[in-house]
Amino acid sequence: MDFQPRTFLSHLFETAVAAAHPEQVLSSFLQQQDTRGRAIVIGAGKAAASMAAALEQHWQGPLNGLVVTRYGHGADCRQIEVVEAAHPVPDDAGEKVAKRIMALVENLTPEDKVICLMSGGGSSLLSLPAPGISLADKQAVNRALLRSGASIDEMNCVRKHLSAIKGGRLAQACYPAQLHTFAISDVPGDEATVIASGPTVADPSTSAEALAVLERYQIDVPENVQNWLRSPESETLKAGHPALANSRFTLIAKPQQSLEAAAQVVRDAGLGVMILSDCIEGESREVAKVHAAIARQVSERGQPLVAPCVILSGGETTVTVRGNGRGGRNAEFLLSFANSLVGHPKSRSRIYALAADTDGIDGSEDNAGATLSPQTYERAEARGLNTDTYLDNNDGYGFFAATDDLIMTGPTRTNVNDFRAILILPE
């Protein structure tokens, strides 16, 4: 091969991120809109500030408004105010800006136009607890859910029913204005109701299901939270609700687009490529075992692809935290992937892999993810690192920091979730 494998994998990741960046994708959707007249802009998510900057660049009429993004994910905007708050556990700044956004859309008329910019992370960034529930209550539930191994759908089901702004309630506050939501999907299946917990769309989940999630993962919550979820008032807006009549929703970027962009780069390089799926869920370490088994099948048997080739996948895995190490789901995936190949020296000498989050932040760490190469094992053995030990402690970050394999991009200001690329070379 006339390229460096790790450099090639990094290029695939950069291509995937670029394919989902607001400055690349938003303008084509605005060409279909009436950009005349005043518009109020609201939004939340890791990409909210970069979406606001792209909107300012291409919108023809006057704009004003307010969006909230994660600390460090801001962008320079002239007309739209950008506020930063905490993710993945909400903080006081997120609660304050949520109140301001709700006040901004009060008492609008049918002639008013509201543009809502939503992306992954919006659920914790736009945190406005339901009546009788404190921010501390929501923070405790959030932390417990993040450690439990619950899927993003399950976590957002609970979040929506403990919120005064999610589950369609923001659209209700905007009514009767014309509301158009532009969103970047970071969730498996690209369901509008799951992205940022669906503040502007109908919600099919129920309060009873939220209670069932808490019971399933044995999450203890205080009596006031239990009482709220048993109250009819906790129910979210359902399809056909009058307050959703003037609300539209448009996806401007999704994980499949990024995987297809990376796949085209692979084809242009003359390699075979397979996209397994853009919506893989499950425990990171278990998903990694399946990916490793497929990579070995390619390496040892030439099935279902013949090397040289690349296997791509996306989605959002989960980590049930058992240890006290550092690392998000992508570092956990790659550590388990490496562990699965430890006893297969012939295959591991030909397999390279990358796992990273397209927002540039793996969980709550400062890395996007990590890379794996044959040299990773050599460095690990030279430094006495044991993959089993690090995996037992959920310490993917520590392992790949020690082997000099962490990917550090900083915030990318977009988010289409996990990106995984496995390169298998011939003998």
Protein backbone atom coordinates (compact mmCIF):
# COMPACT_ATOMS: atom_id res chain seq x y z
CA MET A 1 0.00 0.00 0.00
CA ASP A 2 1.36 3.43 -0.87
CA PHE A 3 -0.24 5.23 2.09
CA GLN A 4 0.17 5.23 5.83
CA PRO A 5 -2.72 3.21 7.38
CA ARG A 6 -3.19 5.43 10.44
CA THR A 7 -3.06 8.58 8.32
CA PHE A 8 -5.63 7.06 5.97
CA LEU A 9 -8.00 6.22 8.83
CA SER A 10 -7.62 9.73 10.23
CA HIS A 11 -8.51 11.12 6.81
CA LEU A 12 -11.67 9.02 6.75
CA PHE A 13 -12.68 10.42 10.14
CA GLU A 14 -12.00 13.99 9.01
CA THR A 15 -14.09 13.36 5.87
CA ALA A 16 -16.98 12.05 7.96
CA VAL A 17 -16.89 15.10 10.22
CA ALA A 18 -16.67 17.57 7.33
CA ALA A 19 -19.68 15.94 5.61
CA ALA A 20 -21.83 16.83 8.62
CA HIS A 21 -20.56 20.32 9.37
CA PRO A 22 -23.26 23.04 9.30
CA GLU A 23 -21.23 25.30 7.00
CA GLN A 24 -21.28 22.46 4.44
CA VAL A 25 -24.90 21.35 4.72
CA LEU A 26 -27.22 24.10 6.00
CA SER A 27 -27.12 26.48 3.04
CA SER A 28 -28.74 24.07 0.56
CA PHE A 29 -31.79 23.76 2.85
CA LEU A 30 -32.08 27.52 3.29
CA GLN A 31 -32.33 27.97 -0.48
CA GLN A 32 -35.77 26.40 -0.22
CA GLN A 33 -36.95 28.84 2.48
CA ASP A 34 -38.45 32.31 2.44
CA THR A 35 -35.61 34.19 4.12
CA ARG A 36 -37.38 37.56 4.08
CA GLY A 37 -38.67 39.19 7.22
CA ARG A 38 -37.70 38.95 10.85
CA ALA A 39 -36.81 35.60 12.34
CA ILE A 40 -36.23 34.60 15.95
CA VAL A 41 -33.52 31.97 16.31
CA ILE A 42 -33.37 29.48 19.17
CA GLY A 43 -31.39 26.29 19.52
CA ALA A 44 -29.39 23.83 21.57
CA GLY A 45 -26.69 21.24 21.01
CA LYS A 46 -23.01 20.72 20.39
CA ALA A 47 -23.48 22.05 16.86
CA ALA A 48 -25.91 24.85 17.77
CA ALA A 49 -23.34 27.67 17.64
CA SER A 50 -21.84 26.59 14.31
CA MET A 51 -25.38 26.17 12.93
CA ALA A 52 -26.18 29.71 14.07
CA ALA A 53 -23.02 31.04 12.39
CA ALA A 54 -23.92 29.27 9.14
CA LEU A 55 -27.48 30.61 9.35
CA GLU A 56 -26.22 34.17 9.74
CA GLN A 57 -24.03 33.72 6.67
CA HIS A 58 -26.86 32.61 4.39
CA TRP A 59 -30.07 34.19 5.77
CA GLN A 60 -31.20 37.26 3.84
CA GLY A 61 -33.38 38.95 6.43
CA PRO A 62 -32.76 40.23 10.00
CA LEU A 63 -32.07 37.70 12.74
CA ASN A 64 -31.96 37.75 16.50
CA GLY A 65 -32.09 35.04 19.10
CA LEU A 66 -30.27 32.75 21.48
CA VAL A 67 -28.67 29.31 21.28
CA VAL A 68 -26.87 27.17 23.86
CA THR A 69 -23.93 24.87 23.22
CA ARG A 70 -21.43 22.88 25.25
CA TYR A 71 -18.51 24.63 26.94
CA GLY A 72 -15.77 25.11 24.35
CA HIS A 73 -18.10 24.57 21.36
CA GLY A 74 -18.99 28.22 20.74
CA ALA A 75 -18.70 30.12 17.46
CA ASP A 76 -18.52 33.78 16.49
CA CYS A 77 -21.99 35.14 15.75
CA ARG A 78 -22.97 38.76 15.14
CA GLN A 79 -26.75 38.69 15.57
CA ILE A 80 -27.46 35.51 17.55
CA GLU A 81 -26.30 35.23 21.15
CA VAL A 82 -24.36 32.07 22.02
CA VAL A 83 -24.32 30.77 25.60
CA GLU A 84 -22.26 27.80 26.79
CA ALA A 85 -23.40 25.24 29.38
CA ALA A 86 -22.56 21.78 30.68
CA HIS A 87 -22.84 18.38 28.98
CA PRO A 88 -23.58 15.53 29.59
CA VAL A 89 -24.82 16.49 33.07
CA PRO A 90 -26.82 19.77 33.03
CA ASP A 91 -25.80 22.77 35.09
CA ASP A 92 -27.23 26.08 36.27
CA ALA A 93 -26.17 27.86 33.06
CA GLY A 94 -28.25 25.44 30.99
CA GLU A 95 -31.29 25.97 33.19
CA LYS A 96 -30.98 29.76 32.97
CA VAL A 97 -30.67 29.80 29.18
CA ALA A 98 -33.63 27.42 28.82
CA LYS A 99 -35.76 29.88 30.79
CA ARG A 100 -34.54 32.72 28.56
CA ILE A 101 -35.38 30.79 25.40
CA MET A 102 -38.90 30.07 26.65
CA ALA A 103 -39.33 33.79 27.46
CA LEU A 104 -38.04 34.74 24.00
CA VAL A 105 -40.85 32.86 22.24
CA GLU A 106 -43.70 34.01 24.48
CA ASN A 107 -46.67 35.90 23.02
CA LEU A 108 -45.76 35.39 19.35
CA THR A 109 -48.26 35.75 16.50
CA PRO A 110 -48.97 33.63 13.39
CA GLU A 111 -46.93 36.16 11.39
CA ASP A 112 -43.81 35.53 13.46
CA LYS A 113 -41.14 33.12 12.29
CA VAL A 114 -39.05 30.96 14.65
CA ILE A 115 -36.01 29.00 13.49
CA CYS A 116 -34.90 26.26 15.87
CA LEU A 117 -31.40 24.75 15.52
CA MET A 118 -31.07 21.35 17.22
CA SER A 119 -28.25 18.82 17.48
CA GLY A 120 -26.92 16.14 19.77
CA GLY A 121 -26.28 17.26 23.33
CA GLY A 122 -29.32 19.53 23.32
CA SER A 123 -31.09 17.37 25.86
CA SER A 124 -28.71 18.19 28.72
CA LEU A 125 -27.87 21.69 27.48
CA LEU A 126 -31.51 22.76 27.33
CA SER A 127 -32.42 21.77 30.86
CA LEU A 128 -35.62 23.15 32.38
CA PRO A 129 -36.96 20.86 35.12
CA ALA A 130 -40.68 20.20 35.33
CA PRO A 131 -42.67 21.80 38.18
CA GLY A 132 -41.70 20.43 41.58
CA ILE A 133 -38.41 18.97 40.30
CA SER A 134 -35.09 20.64 41.04
CA LEU A 135 -32.00 20.87 38.87
CA ALA A 136 -30.23 18.71 41.46
CA ASP A 137 -32.90 16.03 40.96
CA LYS A 138 -32.33 16.06 37.20
CA GLN A 139 -28.56 15.99 37.61
CA ALA A 140 -28.74 12.94 39.86
CA VAL A 141 -31.03 11.07 37.47
CA ASN A 142 -28.81 12.02 34.53
CA ARG A 143 -25.65 10.75 36.22
CA ALA A 144 -27.31 7.47 37.13
CA LEU A 145 -28.62 6.96 33.58
CA LEU A 146 -25.19 7.68 32.08
CA ARG A 147 -23.60 4.98 34.24
CA SER A 148 -26.40 2.45 33.85
CA GLY A 149 -25.88 1.33 30.25
CA ALA A 150 -29.29 2.66 29.18
CA SER A 151 -29.68 3.46 25.49
CA ILE A 152 -30.06 7.04 24.25
CA ASP A 153 -33.76 6.37 23.53
CA GLU A 154 -34.30 5.21 27.11
CA MET A 155 -32.37 8.11 28.64
CA ASN A 156 -34.24 10.66 26.56
CA CYS A 157 -37.58 9.09 27.43
CA VAL A 158 -36.88 9.86 31.08
CA ARG A 159 -35.42 13.30 30.35
CA LYS A 160 -38.47 14.35 28.32
CA HIS A 161 -40.91 13.48 31.05
CA LEU A 162 -38.92 15.34 33.70
CA SER A 163 -38.74 18.48 31.57
CA ALA A 164 -40.79 21.64 31.04
CA ILE A 165 -39.25 22.24 27.58
CA LYS A 166 -38.67 18.85 25.90
CA GLY A 167 -41.13 16.43 24.34
CA GLY A 168 -42.81 19.09 22.18
CA ARG A 169 -43.19 21.67 24.94
CA LEU A 170 -40.91 24.20 23.25
CA ALA A 171 -43.13 24.06 20.15
CA GLN A 172 -46.12 24.63 22.40
CA ALA A 173 -44.45 27.76 23.77
CA CYS A 174 -43.79 29.03 20.22
CA TYR A 175 -47.37 28.51 19.00
CA PRO A 176 -49.01 30.13 17.00
CA ALA A 177 -45.79 31.32 15.30
CA GLN A 178 -44.40 29.51 12.26
CA LEU A 179 -41.73 27.17 13.64
CA HIS A 180 -39.11 25.40 11.52
CA THR A 181 -36.56 23.11 13.20
CA PHE A 182 -33.30 22.28 11.40
CA ALA A 183 -31.54 19.36 13.05
CA ILE A 184 -28.36 17.31 12.87
CA SER A 185 -28.98 13.73 13.91
CA ASP A 186 -26.74 12.01 16.43
CA VAL A 187 -29.11 9.15 17.21
CA PRO A 188 -29.59 5.67 15.75
CA GLY A 189 -32.55 5.75 13.39
CA ASP A 190 -32.53 9.56 13.08
CA GLU A 191 -35.79 9.86 15.02
CA ALA A 192 -36.78 13.51 15.45
CA THR A 193 -38.31 12.77 18.83
CA VAL A 194 -34.97 11.45 20.17
CA ILE A 195 -32.65 14.21 18.87
CA ALA A 196 -32.14 16.56 21.85
CA SER A 197 -35.22 14.87 23.39
CA GLY A 198 -37.51 16.34 20.73
CA PRO A 199 -38.44 19.77 22.13
CA THR A 200 -40.33 20.79 18.98
CA VAL A 201 -41.96 17.51 17.85
CA ALA A 202 -44.62 15.08 19.01
CA ASP A 203 -43.43 12.42 21.43
CA PRO A 204 -44.72 8.82 21.25
CA SER A 205 -43.18 7.75 24.58
CA THR A 206 -45.12 7.88 27.84
CA SER A 207 -44.56 8.68 31.49
CA ALA A 208 -45.22 5.03 32.30
CA GLU A 209 -42.35 4.07 30.00
CA ALA A 210 -40.08 6.57 31.75
CA LEU A 211 -40.91 4.93 35.08
CA ALA A 212 -40.21 1.53 33.55
CA VAL A 213 -36.74 2.67 32.41
CA LEU A 214 -35.89 3.81 35.93
CA GLU A 215 -37.08 0.47 37.31
CA ARG A 216 -35.25 -1.55 34.63
CA TYR A 217 -31.91 -0.02 35.51
CA GLN A 218 -32.66 0.07 39.26
CA ILE A 219 -32.28 3.84 39.48
CA ASP A 220 -33.57 5.20 42.76
CA VAL A 221 -35.26 8.59 42.47
CA PRO A 222 -36.82 10.78 45.17
CA GLU A 223 -40.54 10.72 45.90
CA ASN A 224 -41.22 14.02 44.14
CA VAL A 225 -39.84 12.62 40.88
CA GLN A 226 -41.91 9.44 41.24
CA ASN A 227 -45.04 11.48 41.97
CA TRP A 228 -44.49 13.75 38.96
CA LEU A 229 -44.05 10.81 36.57
CA ARG A 230 -47.29 9.28 37.89
CA SER A 231 -49.14 12.55 37.28
CA PRO A 232 -51.02 13.18 33.98
CA GLU A 233 -49.28 16.57 33.85
CA SER A 234 -45.96 14.84 33.12
CA GLU A 235 -47.21 13.57 29.76
CA THR A 236 -45.56 15.02 26.65
CA LEU A 237 -47.28 16.35 23.52
CA LYS A 238 -48.62 13.66 21.19
CA ALA A 239 -49.19 13.62 17.43
CA GLY A 240 -52.12 15.79 16.42
CA HIS A 241 -51.75 18.24 19.29
CA PRO A 242 -52.96 21.69 18.08
CA ALA A 243 -49.76 23.40 19.26
CA LEU A 244 -47.76 21.37 16.71
CA ALA A 245 -49.84 22.52 13.73
CA ASN A 246 -47.35 25.20 12.63
CA SER A 247 -44.20 23.18 13.35
CA ARG A 248 -41.93 21.71 10.64
CA PHE A 249 -38.82 19.57 11.08
CA THR A 250 -35.92 19.10 8.63
CA LEU A 251 -32.83 16.92 9.03
CA ILE A 252 -29.80 18.59 7.47
CA ALA A 253 -27.17 15.97 8.37
CA LYS A 254 -27.23 12.40 9.62
CA PRO A 255 -24.74 9.59 10.31
CA GLN A 256 -25.36 7.73 7.04
CA GLN A 257 -24.22 10.77 5.02
CA SER A 258 -20.90 10.81 6.84
CA LEU A 259 -20.37 7.07 6.40
CA GLU A 260 -21.12 7.37 2.68
CA ALA A 261 -18.64 10.24 2.33
CA ALA A 262 -15.92 8.15 4.00
CA ALA A 263 -16.85 5.12 1.88
CA GLN A 264 -16.33 7.14 -1.29
CA VAL A 265 -12.81 8.06 -0.17
CA VAL A 266 -12.10 4.35 0.33
CA ARG A 267 -13.39 3.50 -3.14
CA ASP A 268 -11.34 6.31 -4.68
CA ALA A 269 -8.27 4.76 -3.07
CA GLY A 270 -9.04 1.47 -4.82
CA LEU A 271 -10.03 -0.49 -1.70
CA GLY A 272 -13.13 -2.53 -0.99
CA VAL A 273 -15.58 -1.08 1.52
CA MET A 274 -18.61 -2.17 3.50
CA ILE A 275 -20.90 -0.02 5.65
CA LEU A 276 -22.19 -2.36 8.34
CA SER A 277 -24.79 0.07 9.71
CA ASP A 278 -25.24 3.69 10.74
CA CYS A 279 -27.33 2.77 13.79
CA ILE A 280 -25.46 0.18 15.85
CA GLU A 281 -26.36 0.16 19.54
CA GLY A 282 -25.45 -2.03 22.51
CA GLU A 283 -22.62 -2.37 25.01
CA SER A 284 -19.42 -0.97 23.48
CA ARG A 285 -17.32 -3.96 24.49
CA GLU A 286 -19.81 -6.44 23.02
CA VAL A 287 -20.23 -4.49 19.77
CA ALA A 288 -16.42 -4.47 19.52
CA LYS A 289 -16.24 -8.27 19.77
CA VAL A 290 -18.56 -8.60 16.77
CA HIS A 291 -16.51 -6.08 14.75
CA ALA A 292 -13.30 -7.92 15.66
CA ALA A 293 -14.80 -11.24 14.57
CA ILE A 294 -15.77 -9.77 11.20
CA ALA A 295 -12.30 -8.26 10.77
CA ARG A 296 -10.71 -11.65 11.50
CA GLN A 297 -13.04 -13.33 9.00
CA VAL A 298 -11.86 -10.90 6.35
CA SER A 299 -8.20 -11.29 7.30
CA GLU A 300 -8.17 -15.08 7.57
CA ARG A 301 -10.84 -16.20 5.10
CA GLY A 302 -11.45 -13.32 2.68
CA GLN A 303 -15.13 -13.04 3.69
CA PRO A 304 -17.32 -11.01 3.31
CA LEU A 305 -14.65 -8.77 1.70
CA VAL A 306 -11.17 -9.39 0.36
CA ALA A 307 -8.31 -7.34 1.77
CA PRO A 308 -7.30 -4.59 1.32
CA CYS A 309 -10.62 -3.22 2.49
CA VAL A 310 -12.34 -1.04 5.07
CA ILE A 311 -15.34 -1.77 7.28
CA LEU A 312 -17.31 1.29 8.43
CA SER A 313 -20.02 1.65 11.04
CA GLY A 314 -21.78 4.26 13.15
CA GLY A 315 -24.43 4.58 15.83
CA GLU A 316 -24.31 5.09 19.57
CA THR A 317 -23.06 2.36 21.87
CA THR A 318 -23.27 2.45 25.65
CA VAL A 319 -20.98 1.67 28.58
CA THR A 320 -22.12 0.15 31.83
CA VAL A 321 -19.57 1.62 34.22
CA ARG A 322 -18.08 -0.93 36.61
CA GLY A 323 -14.61 0.48 37.21
CA ASN A 324 -13.20 3.90 38.01
CA GLY A 325 -11.04 4.45 34.93
CA ARG A 326 -11.33 7.13 32.27
CA GLY A 327 -12.76 6.79 28.81
CA GLY A 328 -15.88 7.14 26.69
CA ARG A 329 -17.66 4.57 24.60
CA ASN A 330 -15.24 4.81 21.65
CA ALA A 331 -12.15 4.18 23.77
CA GLU A 332 -14.03 1.30 25.42
CA PHE A 333 -14.96 -0.10 21.99
CA LEU A 334 -11.40 0.04 20.71
CA LEU A 335 -9.94 -1.46 23.88
CA SER A 336 -12.35 -4.39 23.66
CA PHE A 337 -11.57 -4.71 19.93
CA ALA A 338 -7.85 -4.86 20.72
CA ASN A 339 -8.48 -7.36 23.51
CA SER A 340 -10.37 -9.62 21.08
CA LEU A 341 -7.32 -9.78 18.79
CA VAL A 342 -4.66 -10.35 21.46
CA GLY A 343 -4.60 -14.12 20.87
CA HIS A 344 -4.54 -13.80 17.08
CA PRO A 345 -1.11 -12.40 16.18
CA LYS A 346 -1.44 -13.13 12.45
CA SER A 347 -4.65 -11.11 12.12
CA ARG A 348 -3.65 -8.31 14.46
CA SER A 349 -0.54 -7.65 12.38
CA ARG A 350 -2.78 -6.70 9.44
CA ILE A 351 -5.67 -4.90 11.16
CA TYR A 352 -5.85 -1.19 11.91
CA ALA A 353 -8.86 0.53 13.48
CA LEU A 354 -10.20 3.92 14.53
CA ALA A 355 -13.15 4.68 16.80
CA ALA A 356 -14.10 8.27 17.56
CA ASP A 357 -17.01 10.57 18.28
CA THR A 358 -17.68 13.05 15.49
CA ASP A 359 -18.20 15.86 18.01
CA GLY A 360 -14.53 15.56 19.01
CA ILE A 361 -15.34 14.54 22.59
CA ASP A 362 -15.52 10.88 23.64
CA GLY A 363 -17.93 10.92 26.57
CA SER A 364 -16.67 13.55 28.96
CA GLU A 365 -12.96 13.29 28.14
CA ASP A 366 -10.75 15.57 26.04
CA ASN A 367 -10.13 13.05 23.25
CA ALA A 368 -12.34 12.21 20.27
CA GLY A 369 -11.40 8.55 20.44
CA ALA A 370 -8.35 6.46 19.57
CA THR A 371 -6.60 4.46 16.89
CA LEU A 372 -5.30 0.90 16.96
CA SER A 373 -2.39 -0.51 14.95
CA PRO A 374 0.01 -3.48 15.17
CA GLN A 375 2.41 -1.08 16.89
CA THR A 376 -0.15 -0.50 19.66
CA TYR A 377 0.36 -4.07 20.88
CA GLU A 378 4.12 -3.68 20.73
CA ARG A 379 4.03 -0.52 22.84
CA ALA A 380 1.56 -2.08 25.26
CA GLU A 381 3.75 -5.16 25.77
CA ALA A 382 6.88 -3.04 26.16
CA ARG A 383 5.13 -0.99 28.88
CA GLY A 384 3.50 -3.94 30.63
CA LEU A 385 -0.07 -2.93 29.78
CA ASN A 386 -2.77 -5.61 29.97
CA THR A 387 -5.94 -5.06 27.93
CA ASP A 388 -8.05 -7.21 30.28
CA THR A 389 -7.04 -5.15 33.30
CA TYR A 390 -7.78 -1.83 31.61
CA LEU A 391 -11.09 -3.13 30.24
CA ASP A 392 -12.18 -4.33 33.68
CA ASN A 393 -11.58 -0.80 34.96
CA ASN A 394 -13.33 0.95 32.03
CA ASP A 395 -10.01 2.70 31.37
CA GLY A 396 -9.75 2.90 27.59
CA TYR A 397 -8.44 6.45 27.86
CA GLY A 398 -5.63 5.36 30.17
CA PHE A 399 -4.61 2.48 27.92
CA PHE A 400 -4.47 4.47 24.68
CA ALA A 401 -2.85 7.44 26.39
CA ALA A 402 -0.07 5.07 27.47
CA THR A 403 0.34 3.73 23.91
CA ASP A 404 0.23 7.23 22.34
CA ASP A 405 -2.90 6.40 20.32
CA LEU A 406 -5.47 8.96 21.52
CA ILE A 407 -7.14 11.16 18.89
CA MET A 408 -7.21 14.81 19.98
CA THR A 409 -9.25 17.08 17.68
CA GLY A 410 -10.93 19.46 20.10
CA PRO A 411 -14.61 20.32 19.49
CA THR A 412 -15.60 19.78 15.84
CA ARG A 413 -18.86 21.78 16.27
CA THR A 414 -20.97 19.08 14.66
CA ASN A 415 -22.23 15.73 15.90
CA VAL A 416 -23.41 12.65 14.00
CA ASN A 417 -22.21 10.35 16.76
CA ASP A 418 -19.77 7.44 16.66
CA PHE A 419 -17.57 6.75 13.65
CA ARG A 420 -15.68 3.48 13.33
CA ALA A 421 -13.33 2.43 10.54
CA ILE A 422 -11.45 -0.89 10.38
CA LEU A 423 -8.73 -1.30 7.77
CA ILE A 424 -7.62 -4.84 6.89
CA LEU A 425 -4.46 -5.21 4.82
CA PRO A 426 -3.42 -8.29 2.79
CA GLU A 427 -0.53 -10.56 3.73
